[in-house]
PDB file of all heavy atoms in Angstrom:
ATOM      1  N   ALA A   1     151.696  70.364  61.933  1.00  0.00           N
ATOM      2  CA  ALA A   1     151.710  70.871  60.542  1.00  0.00           C
ATOM      3  C   ALA A   1     150.283  71.361  60.277  1.00  0.00           C
ATOM      4  O   ALA A   1     149.311  70.631  60.441  1.00  0.00           O
ATOM      5  CB  ALA A   1     152.135  69.749  59.612  1.00  0.00           C
ATOM      6  N   VAL A   2     150.174  72.606  59.784  1.00  0.00           N
ATOM      7  CA  VAL A   2     148.885  73.225  59.565  1.00  0.00           C
ATOM      8  C   VAL A   2     148.734  73.663  58.124  1.00  0.00           C
ATOM      9  O   VAL A   2     149.511  74.466  57.633  1.00  0.00           O
ATOM     10  CB  VAL A   2     148.682  74.453  60.513  1.00  0.00           C
ATOM     11  CG1 VAL A   2     147.319  75.071  60.270  1.00  0.00           C
ATOM     12  CG2 VAL A   2     148.824  74.025  61.972  1.00  0.00           C
ATOM     13  N   ASP A   3     147.731  73.164  57.446  1.00  0.00           N
ATOM     14  CA  ASP A   3     147.431  73.586  56.069  1.00  0.00           C
ATOM     15  C   ASP A   3     146.809  74.987  56.096  1.00  0.00           C
ATOM     16  O   ASP A   3     145.885  75.274  56.896  1.00  0.00           O
ATOM     17  CB  ASP A   3     146.492  72.599  55.385  1.00  0.00           C
ATOM     18  CG  ASP A   3     147.188  71.395  54.821  1.00  0.00           C
ATOM     19  OD1 ASP A   3     147.957  71.595  53.880  1.00  0.00           O
ATOM     20  OD2 ASP A   3     146.972  70.281  55.370  1.00  0.00           O
ATOM     21  N   VAL A   4     147.292  75.849  55.226  1.00  0.00           N
ATOM     22  CA  VAL A   4     146.787  77.246  55.210  1.00  0.00           C
ATOM     23  C   VAL A   4     146.121  77.558  53.854  1.00  0.00           C
ATOM     24  O   VAL A   4     145.555  78.676  53.717  1.00  0.00           O
ATOM     25  CB  VAL A   4     147.891  78.255  55.489  1.00  0.00           C
ATOM     26  CG1 VAL A   4     148.425  78.043  56.912  1.00  0.00           C
ATOM     27  CG2 VAL A   4     149.035  78.154  54.481  1.00  0.00           C
ATOM     28  N   ASP A   5     146.198  76.671  52.873  1.00  0.00           N
ATOM     29  CA  ASP A   5     145.691  76.966  51.560  1.00  0.00           C
ATOM     30  C   ASP A   5     144.847  75.764  51.041  1.00  0.00           C
ATOM     31  O   ASP A   5     145.016  74.610  51.484  1.00  0.00           O
ATOM     32  CB  ASP A   5     146.802  77.236  50.548  1.00  0.00           C
ATOM     33  CG  ASP A   5     147.603  78.519  50.894  1.00  0.00           C
ATOM     34  OD1 ASP A   5     146.974  79.532  51.016  1.00  0.00           O
ATOM     35  OD2 ASP A   5     148.845  78.387  51.039  1.00  0.00           O
ATOM     36  N   GLY A   6     143.968  76.032  50.089  1.00  0.00           N
ATOM     37  CA  GLY A   6     143.219  74.988  49.442  1.00  0.00           C
ATOM     38  C   GLY A   6     142.157  74.362  50.275  1.00  0.00           C
ATOM     39  O   GLY A   6     141.749  74.827  51.353  1.00  0.00           O
ATOM     40  N   GLU A   7     141.650  73.199  49.804  1.00  0.00           N
ATOM     41  CA  GLU A   7     140.588  72.522  50.488  1.00  0.00           C
ATOM     42  C   GLU A   7     140.946  72.010  51.874  1.00  0.00           C
ATOM     43  O   GLU A   7     140.080  71.793  52.728  1.00  0.00           O
ATOM     44  CB  GLU A   7     140.071  71.334  49.645  1.00  0.00           C
ATOM     45  CG  GLU A   7     139.357  71.732  48.358  1.00  0.00           C
ATOM     46  CD  GLU A   7     138.849  70.552  47.594  1.00  0.00           C
ATOM     47  OE1 GLU A   7     139.236  69.426  47.951  1.00  0.00           O
ATOM     48  OE2 GLU A   7     138.087  70.722  46.636  1.00  0.00           O
ATOM     49  N   ALA A   8     142.248  71.811  52.093  1.00  0.00           N
ATOM     50  CA  ALA A   8     142.675  71.276  53.369  1.00  0.00           C
ATOM     51  C   ALA A   8     142.907  72.391  54.412  1.00  0.00           C
ATOM     52  O   ALA A   8     143.299  72.078  55.533  1.00  0.00           O
ATOM     53  CB  ALA A   8     143.976  70.491  53.166  1.00  0.00           C
ATOM     54  N   ARG A   9     142.657  73.596  54.074  1.00  0.00           N
ATOM     55  CA  ARG A   9     142.877  74.748  54.968  1.00  0.00           C
ATOM     56  C   ARG A   9     142.270  74.437  56.363  1.00  0.00           C
ATOM     57  O   ARG A   9     141.150  73.978  56.458  1.00  0.00           O
ATOM     58  CB  ARG A   9     142.270  76.003  54.411  1.00  0.00           C
ATOM     59  CG  ARG A   9     142.487  77.270  55.237  1.00  0.00           C
ATOM     60  CD  ARG A   9     141.973  78.476  54.464  1.00  0.00           C
ATOM     61  NE  ARG A   9     141.827  79.666  55.287  1.00  0.00           N
ATOM     62  CZ  ARG A   9     142.788  80.535  55.513  1.00  0.00           C
ATOM     63  NH1 ARG A   9     143.982  80.354  54.966  1.00  0.00           N
ATOM     64  NH2 ARG A   9     142.590  81.605  56.270  1.00  0.00           N
ATOM     65  N   ALA A  10     143.034  74.789  57.415  1.00  0.00           N
ATOM     66  CA  ALA A  10     142.626  74.572  58.804  1.00  0.00           C
ATOM     67  C   ALA A  10     142.684  73.148  59.251  1.00  0.00           C
ATOM     68  O   ALA A  10     142.153  72.784  60.330  1.00  0.00           O
ATOM     69  CB  ALA A  10     141.234  75.180  59.066  1.00  0.00           C
ATOM     70  N   THR A  11     143.341  72.282  58.457  1.00  0.00           N
ATOM     71  CA  THR A  11     143.590  70.900  58.869  1.00  0.00           C
ATOM     72  C   THR A  11     144.965  70.865  59.536  1.00  0.00           C
ATOM     73  O   THR A  11     145.928  71.431  59.026  1.00  0.00           O
ATOM     74  CB  THR A  11     143.557  69.916  57.716  1.00  0.00           C
ATOM     75  OG1 THR A  11     142.287  70.000  57.068  1.00  0.00           O
ATOM     76  CG2 THR A  11     143.824  68.482  58.171  1.00  0.00           C
ATOM     77  N   SER A  12     145.058  70.139  60.688  1.00  0.00           N
ATOM     78  CA  SER A  12     146.328  70.091  61.443  1.00  0.00           C
ATOM     79  C   SER A  12     146.675  68.681  61.764  1.00  0.00           C
ATOM     80  O   SER A  12     145.818  67.820  62.009  1.00  0.00           O
ATOM     81  CB  SER A  12     146.132  70.930  62.736  1.00  0.00           C
ATOM     82  OG  SER A  12     147.267  70.802  63.572  1.00  0.00           O
ATOM     83  N   LYS A  13     147.997  68.389  61.768  1.00  0.00           N
ATOM     84  CA  LYS A  13     148.481  67.042  62.024  1.00  0.00           C
ATOM     85  C   LYS A  13     149.668  67.094  62.978  1.00  0.00           C
ATOM     86  O   LYS A  13     150.561  67.931  62.813  1.00  0.00           O
ATOM     87  CB  LYS A  13     148.923  66.352  60.739  1.00  0.00           C
ATOM     88  CG  LYS A  13     147.784  66.068  59.749  1.00  0.00           C
ATOM     89  CD  LYS A  13     148.345  65.481  58.443  1.00  0.00           C
ATOM     90  CE  LYS A  13     148.929  64.105  58.641  1.00  0.00           C
ATOM     91  NZ  LYS A  13     149.397  63.494  57.372  1.00  0.00           N
ATOM     92  N   LEU A  14     149.671  66.216  63.981  1.00  0.00           N
ATOM     93  CA  LEU A  14     150.783  66.139  64.947  1.00  0.00           C
ATOM     94  C   LEU A  14     151.966  65.457  64.344  1.00  0.00           C
ATOM     95  O   LEU A  14     151.889  64.290  63.921  1.00  0.00           O
ATOM     96  CB  LEU A  14     150.276  65.425  66.176  1.00  0.00           C
ATOM     97  CG  LEU A  14     151.337  65.271  67.323  1.00  0.00           C
ATOM     98  CD1 LEU A  14     151.920  66.590  67.770  1.00  0.00           C
ATOM     99  CD2 LEU A  14     150.718  64.579  68.528  1.00  0.00           C
ATOM    100  N   PHE A  15     153.125  66.161  64.341  1.00  0.00           N
ATOM    101  CA  PHE A  15     154.354  65.636  63.718  1.00  0.00           C
ATOM    102  C   PHE A  15     155.380  65.212  64.771  1.00  0.00           C
ATOM    103  O   PHE A  15     156.082  64.238  64.574  1.00  0.00           O
ATOM    104  CB  PHE A  15     154.946  66.722  62.865  1.00  0.00           C
ATOM    105  CG  PHE A  15     156.234  66.314  62.174  1.00  0.00           C
ATOM    106  CD1 PHE A  15     156.215  65.415  61.136  1.00  0.00           C
ATOM    107  CD2 PHE A  15     157.461  66.896  62.560  1.00  0.00           C
ATOM    108  CE1 PHE A  15     157.431  65.032  60.512  1.00  0.00           C
ATOM    109  CE2 PHE A  15     158.620  66.541  61.943  1.00  0.00           C
ATOM    110  CZ  PHE A  15     158.640  65.589  60.914  1.00  0.00           C
ATOM    111  N   PHE A  16     155.456  65.940  65.896  1.00  0.00           N
ATOM    112  CA  PHE A  16     156.459  65.668  66.919  1.00  0.00           C
ATOM    113  C   PHE A  16     155.933  66.076  68.267  1.00  0.00           C
ATOM    114  O   PHE A  16     155.224  67.126  68.379  1.00  0.00           O
ATOM    115  CB  PHE A  16     157.722  66.501  66.612  1.00  0.00           C
ATOM    116  CG  PHE A  16     158.817  66.390  67.656  1.00  0.00           C
ATOM    117  CD1 PHE A  16     159.710  65.332  67.629  1.00  0.00           C
ATOM    118  CD2 PHE A  16     158.964  67.326  68.662  1.00  0.00           C
ATOM    119  CE1 PHE A  16     160.727  65.237  68.566  1.00  0.00           C
ATOM    120  CE2 PHE A  16     159.971  67.254  69.608  1.00  0.00           C
ATOM    121  CZ  PHE A  16     160.841  66.206  69.589  1.00  0.00           C
ATOM    122  N   ARG A  17     156.138  65.232  69.278  1.00  0.00           N
ATOM    123  CA  ARG A  17     155.671  65.675  70.624  1.00  0.00           C
ATOM    124  C   ARG A  17     156.802  65.511  71.632  1.00  0.00           C
ATOM    125  O   ARG A  17     157.708  64.671  71.449  1.00  0.00           O
ATOM    126  CB  ARG A  17     154.449  64.863  71.030  1.00  0.00           C
ATOM    127  CG  ARG A  17     154.687  63.498  71.664  1.00  0.00           C
ATOM    128  CD  ARG A  17     153.363  62.901  72.131  1.00  0.00           C
ATOM    129  NE  ARG A  17     153.639  61.953  73.207  1.00  0.00           N
ATOM    130  CZ  ARG A  17     153.164  60.686  73.260  1.00  0.00           C
ATOM    131  NH1 ARG A  17     152.381  60.245  72.239  1.00  0.00           N
ATOM    132  NH2 ARG A  17     153.457  59.887  74.244  1.00  0.00           N
ATOM    133  N   VAL A  18     156.770  66.358  72.637  1.00  0.00           N
ATOM    134  CA  VAL A  18     157.843  66.450  73.592  1.00  0.00           C
ATOM    135  C   VAL A  18     157.589  65.625  74.853  1.00  0.00           C
ATOM    136  O   VAL A  18     156.454  65.205  75.087  1.00  0.00           O
ATOM    137  CB  VAL A  18     158.128  67.918  74.003  1.00  0.00           C
ATOM    138  CG1 VAL A  18     158.526  68.734  72.823  1.00  0.00           C
ATOM    139  CG2 VAL A  18     156.900  68.521  74.692  1.00  0.00           C
ATOM    140  N   PRO A  19     158.655  65.394  75.686  1.00  0.00           N
ATOM    141  CA  PRO A  19     158.442  64.707  76.949  1.00  0.00           C
ATOM    142  C   PRO A  19     157.535  65.471  77.917  1.00  0.00           C
ATOM    143  O   PRO A  19     157.379  66.681  77.787  1.00  0.00           O
ATOM    144  CB  PRO A  19     159.869  64.574  77.508  1.00  0.00           C
ATOM    145  CG  PRO A  19     160.751  64.769  76.354  1.00  0.00           C
ATOM    146  CD  PRO A  19     160.040  65.714  75.435  1.00  0.00           C
ATOM    147  N   VAL A  20     156.980  64.773  78.888  1.00  0.00           N
ATOM    148  CA  VAL A  20     156.124  65.423  79.864  1.00  0.00           C
ATOM    149  C   VAL A  20     156.868  66.546  80.540  1.00  0.00           C
ATOM    150  O   VAL A  20     158.047  66.476  80.835  1.00  0.00           O
ATOM    151  CB  VAL A  20     155.628  64.354  80.873  1.00  0.00           C
ATOM    152  CG1 VAL A  20     156.776  63.800  81.681  1.00  0.00           C
ATOM    153  CG2 VAL A  20     154.577  64.979  81.797  1.00  0.00           C
ATOM    154  N   GLY A  21     156.121  67.628  80.772  1.00  0.00           N
ATOM    155  CA  GLY A  21     156.698  68.758  81.482  1.00  0.00           C
ATOM    156  C   GLY A  21     157.410  69.790  80.629  1.00  0.00           C
ATOM    157  O   GLY A  21     157.780  70.856  81.090  1.00  0.00           O
ATOM    158  N   ALA A  22     157.641  69.441  79.316  1.00  0.00           N
ATOM    159  CA  ALA A  22     158.403  70.319  78.455  1.00  0.00           C
ATOM    160  C   ALA A  22     157.463  71.114  77.613  1.00  0.00           C
ATOM    161  O   ALA A  22     156.279  70.800  77.385  1.00  0.00           O
ATOM    162  CB  ALA A  22     159.311  69.495  77.552  1.00  0.00           C
ATOM    163  N   GLU A  23     158.025  72.237  77.055  1.00  0.00           N
ATOM    164  CA  GLU A  23     157.344  72.981  76.014  1.00  0.00           C
ATOM    165  C   GLU A  23     158.215  72.877  74.765  1.00  0.00           C
ATOM    166  O   GLU A  23     159.419  72.637  74.857  1.00  0.00           O
ATOM    167  CB  GLU A  23     157.106  74.446  76.361  1.00  0.00           C
ATOM    168  CG  GLU A  23     158.409  75.276  76.491  1.00  0.00           C
ATOM    169  CD  GLU A  23     158.165  76.773  76.620  1.00  0.00           C
ATOM    170  OE1 GLU A  23     157.825  77.397  75.623  1.00  0.00           O
ATOM    171  OE2 GLU A  23     158.329  77.288  77.733  1.00  0.00           O
ATOM    172  N   LEU A  24     157.606  73.067  73.607  1.00  0.00           N
ATOM    173  CA  LEU A  24     158.377  73.019  72.365  1.00  0.00           C
ATOM    174  C   LEU A  24     158.604  74.426  71.836  1.00  0.00           C
ATOM    175  O   LEU A  24     157.632  75.213  71.716  1.00  0.00           O
ATOM    176  CB  LEU A  24     157.651  72.192  71.315  1.00  0.00           C
ATOM    177  CG  LEU A  24     158.482  72.015  70.048  1.00  0.00           C
ATOM    178  CD1 LEU A  24     159.705  71.134  70.326  1.00  0.00           C
ATOM    179  CD2 LEU A  24     157.648  71.424  68.937  1.00  0.00           C
ATOM    180  N   CYS A  25     159.849  74.725  71.502  1.00  0.00           N
ATOM    181  CA  CYS A  25     160.198  76.038  70.960  1.00  0.00           C
ATOM    182  C   CYS A  25     160.923  75.791  69.608  1.00  0.00           C
ATOM    183  O   CYS A  25     160.979  74.677  69.114  1.00  0.00           O
ATOM    184  CB  CYS A  25     161.087  76.822  71.884  1.00  0.00           C
ATOM    185  SG  CYS A  25     160.353  77.103  73.514  1.00  0.00           S
ATOM    186  N   GLY A  26     161.483  76.844  69.046  1.00  0.00           N
ATOM    187  CA  GLY A  26     161.914  76.763  67.645  1.00  0.00           C
ATOM    188  C   GLY A  26     160.634  77.059  66.843  1.00  0.00           C
ATOM    189  O   GLY A  26     159.923  78.019  67.195  1.00  0.00           O
ATOM    190  N   PRO A  27     160.225  76.300  65.899  1.00  0.00           N
ATOM    191  CA  PRO A  27     161.039  75.338  65.160  1.00  0.00           C
ATOM    192  C   PRO A  27     161.778  76.077  64.062  1.00  0.00           C
ATOM    193  O   PRO A  27     161.535  77.227  63.775  1.00  0.00           O
ATOM    194  CB  PRO A  27     159.956  74.384  64.578  1.00  0.00           C
ATOM    195  CG  PRO A  27     158.738  75.258  64.421  1.00  0.00           C
ATOM    196  CD  PRO A  27     158.822  76.286  65.515  1.00  0.00           C
ATOM    197  N   LEU A  28     162.683  75.332  63.387  1.00  0.00           N
ATOM    198  CA  LEU A  28     163.503  75.965  62.364  1.00  0.00           C
ATOM    199  C   LEU A  28     163.824  74.917  61.270  1.00  0.00           C
ATOM    200  O   LEU A  28     164.224  73.817  61.600  1.00  0.00           O
ATOM    201  CB  LEU A  28     164.800  76.485  62.986  1.00  0.00           C
ATOM    202  CG  LEU A  28     165.884  77.189  62.146  1.00  0.00           C
ATOM    203  CD1 LEU A  28     166.789  76.171  61.460  1.00  0.00           C
ATOM    204  CD2 LEU A  28     165.315  78.134  61.168  1.00  0.00           C
TER     205      LEU A  28
END
């Protein structure tokens, strides 16, 4: 999750991670 507005702009937080060897697509 990436903040794009306000004082928190450019702050990122990990919400979901995949098993080893996988890539993540979507999201929706």
